[in-house]
Amino acid sequence: MGASGESFPPPPPDLVFDAVTLEFVRLVPADLERGFVPFYHFNIVARGAEVGHINFRVGDTAHIRLYAGHIGYAVSEPFRGHKYALQACRALAPFVRSLLASVIITSDPDNFASIRTIELLGGVFLDEVPVPEREAQYARGSRAKRRYRWTP
């Protein structure tokens, strides 16, 4: 997947797990020159409030395998501590499984909440890699990424 002009299936409308529902926002096109693959962007909604977002990146580049990962999530500060990222990943799992057998999820080494989420998902630690200066994540302060394989 990820070739120019390739069509991508729409996500199922009922991506739900426990308190979380995923609301599909858009499919963002690739920027292959930068190593960015197309991705599905969802809002994470819990108990009627938008609490964050989750992205499912569909493709395979060094940028994805080493630094960004196939799954990326963020929960807004007032809503942290309720396992919403974990529930969002579980809600997304059937869709991920329909496209890929396993995915890479990355985390900064000091992001203990994200690491705990990945571990609770059953992610298998692969390694920790340095983030080179040319990577977009370096500009955001990331100097290393812990890489995990998740088989949803």
Protein backbone atom coordinates (compact mmCIF):
# COMPACT_ATOMS: atom_id res chain seq x y z
CA MET A 1 0.00 0.00 0.00
CA GLY A 2 1.01 3.60 -0.33
CA ALA A 3 1.64 3.81 -4.05
CA SER A 4 0.59 7.00 -5.73
CA GLY A 5 -2.96 6.85 -6.98
CA GLU A 6 -3.84 3.80 -4.91
CA SER A 7 -7.27 3.87 -3.34
CA PHE A 8 -7.77 3.10 0.32
CA PRO A 9 -10.83 1.50 1.89
CA PRO A 10 -13.04 3.64 4.07
CA PRO A 11 -12.80 2.81 7.76
CA PRO A 12 -15.72 0.98 9.34
CA PRO A 13 -18.24 3.32 10.97
CA ASP A 14 -18.33 1.49 14.31
CA LEU A 15 -14.81 1.70 15.76
CA VAL A 16 -15.65 1.46 19.46
CA PHE A 17 -14.01 -0.02 22.53
CA ASP A 18 -15.20 0.46 26.11
CA ALA A 19 -15.74 4.23 26.67
CA VAL A 20 -14.09 5.28 23.39
CA THR A 21 -15.55 5.86 19.94
CA LEU A 22 -13.35 6.82 17.00
CA GLU A 23 -14.75 9.45 14.63
CA PHE A 24 -13.14 9.36 11.20
CA VAL A 25 -12.03 12.86 10.16
CA ARG A 26 -10.08 12.37 6.93
CA LEU A 27 -7.56 10.37 4.93
CA VAL A 28 -4.40 12.47 4.64
CA PRO A 29 -2.43 11.94 1.42
CA ALA A 30 1.18 10.80 1.30
CA ASP A 31 4.20 13.07 1.07
CA LEU A 32 6.63 10.42 -0.15
CA GLU A 33 9.49 12.88 -0.62
CA ARG A 34 9.50 13.25 3.18
CA GLY A 35 8.79 9.56 3.77
CA PHE A 36 5.23 10.31 4.93
CA VAL A 37 2.65 7.70 3.96
CA PRO A 38 -1.11 8.22 3.74
CA PHE A 39 -2.87 8.09 7.07
CA TYR A 40 -6.33 7.85 8.54
CA HIS A 41 -7.00 10.56 11.12
CA PHE A 42 -9.62 9.95 13.82
CA ASN A 43 -10.84 11.94 16.79
CA ILE A 44 -11.00 10.00 20.04
CA VAL A 45 -14.37 10.63 21.71
CA ALA A 46 -15.17 9.47 25.24
CA ARG A 47 -18.32 10.20 27.19
CA GLY A 48 -19.37 12.81 24.63
CA ALA A 49 -16.09 14.76 24.67
CA GLU A 50 -13.29 14.88 22.13
CA VAL A 51 -10.32 13.73 24.21
CA GLY A 52 -7.60 13.39 21.58
CA HIS A 53 -6.78 11.85 18.23
CA ILE A 54 -5.28 8.72 16.73
CA ASN A 55 -3.65 8.23 13.33
CA PHE A 56 -3.22 5.01 11.40
CA ARG A 57 -0.40 5.35 8.87
CA VAL A 58 -0.70 2.97 5.94
CA GLY A 59 2.60 2.31 4.23
CA ASP A 60 6.14 1.25 4.78
CA THR A 61 9.01 3.71 4.69
CA ALA A 62 12.10 4.07 6.88
CA HIS A 63 10.39 7.09 8.49
CA ILE A 64 7.44 4.89 9.54
CA ARG A 65 9.46 1.81 10.55
CA LEU A 66 12.03 3.73 12.58
CA TYR A 67 10.52 6.95 13.92
CA ALA A 68 6.82 7.67 13.38
CA GLY A 69 5.33 4.19 13.58
CA HIS A 70 2.08 3.08 11.97
CA ILE A 71 -0.03 4.20 14.93
CA GLY A 72 0.24 7.60 16.57
CA TYR A 73 -2.02 8.96 19.30
CA ALA A 74 -2.34 11.93 21.60
CA VAL A 75 -4.72 12.49 24.49
CA SER A 76 -5.34 16.06 25.64
CA GLU A 77 -3.94 16.77 29.09
CA PRO A 78 -7.25 17.16 30.96
CA PHE A 79 -8.28 13.67 29.81
CA ARG A 80 -5.10 11.73 30.54
CA GLY A 81 -5.01 8.88 33.02
CA HIS A 82 -8.19 7.13 31.80
CA LYS A 83 -6.53 4.74 29.32
CA TYR A 84 -8.20 6.48 26.37
CA ALA A 85 -5.17 5.89 24.10
CA LEU A 86 -5.28 2.18 24.94
CA GLN A 87 -9.02 2.03 24.26
CA ALA A 88 -8.54 3.96 20.99
CA CYS A 89 -5.93 1.44 19.83
CA ARG A 90 -8.26 -1.42 20.73
CA ALA A 91 -11.11 0.29 18.84
CA LEU A 92 -8.83 0.71 15.81
CA ALA A 93 -7.49 -2.88 15.97
CA PRO A 94 -10.07 -4.55 13.68
CA PHE A 95 -9.45 -1.97 10.95
CA VAL A 96 -5.67 -2.28 11.34
CA ARG A 97 -5.96 -6.09 11.12
CA SER A 98 -7.94 -5.77 7.90
CA LEU A 99 -4.98 -4.03 6.23
CA LEU A 100 -1.79 -5.16 8.02
CA ALA A 101 -0.80 -8.26 10.00
CA SER A 102 1.33 -6.24 12.40
CA VAL A 103 2.43 -2.64 12.85
CA ILE A 104 5.19 -0.63 14.46
CA ILE A 105 4.36 1.75 17.31
CA THR A 106 7.05 4.09 18.58
CA SER A 107 7.49 6.19 21.68
CA ASP A 108 10.04 8.58 23.10
CA PRO A 109 11.97 6.77 25.86
CA ASP A 110 10.74 9.22 28.51
CA ASN A 111 7.04 9.00 27.55
CA PHE A 112 6.15 6.47 30.22
CA ALA A 113 2.38 6.75 29.65
CA SER A 114 2.78 5.87 25.96
CA ILE A 115 5.17 3.02 26.75
CA ARG A 116 2.65 1.66 29.27
CA THR A 117 -0.11 1.90 26.65
CA ILE A 118 2.00 -0.05 24.15
CA GLU A 119 2.88 -2.67 26.75
CA LEU A 120 -0.78 -3.09 27.75
CA LEU A 121 -1.61 -3.61 24.06
CA GLY A 122 0.91 -6.45 23.97
CA GLY A 123 3.48 -4.57 21.91
CA VAL A 124 6.80 -6.41 21.70
CA PHE A 125 9.88 -4.24 22.28
CA LEU A 126 12.22 -4.31 19.27
CA ASP A 127 14.90 -1.73 19.97
CA GLU A 128 15.68 1.92 20.59
CA VAL A 129 17.02 3.99 17.72
CA PRO A 130 18.48 7.51 17.59
CA VAL A 131 16.43 10.13 15.73
CA PRO A 132 18.58 11.88 13.10
CA GLU A 133 18.46 15.66 12.69
CA ARG A 134 16.79 15.34 9.26
CA GLU A 135 13.67 13.75 10.81
CA ALA A 136 10.66 15.97 11.54
CA GLN A 137 10.44 14.48 15.03
CA TYR A 138 13.92 15.73 15.87
CA ALA A 139 12.68 19.32 15.50
CA ARG A 140 9.94 18.47 18.04
CA GLY A 141 12.56 17.37 20.57
CA SER A 142 12.74 13.62 19.95
CA ARG A 143 16.28 12.28 20.15
CA ALA A 144 15.47 8.56 20.34
CA LYS A 145 12.52 6.26 19.65
CA ARG A 146 11.63 2.99 21.30
CA ARG A 147 10.14 0.68 18.67
CA TYR A 148 7.52 -1.99 19.32
CA ARG A 149 5.75 -4.49 17.08
CA TRP A 150 2.01 -4.79 17.70
CA THR A 151 -0.06 -7.61 16.27
CA PRO A 152 -3.64 -6.41 16.80
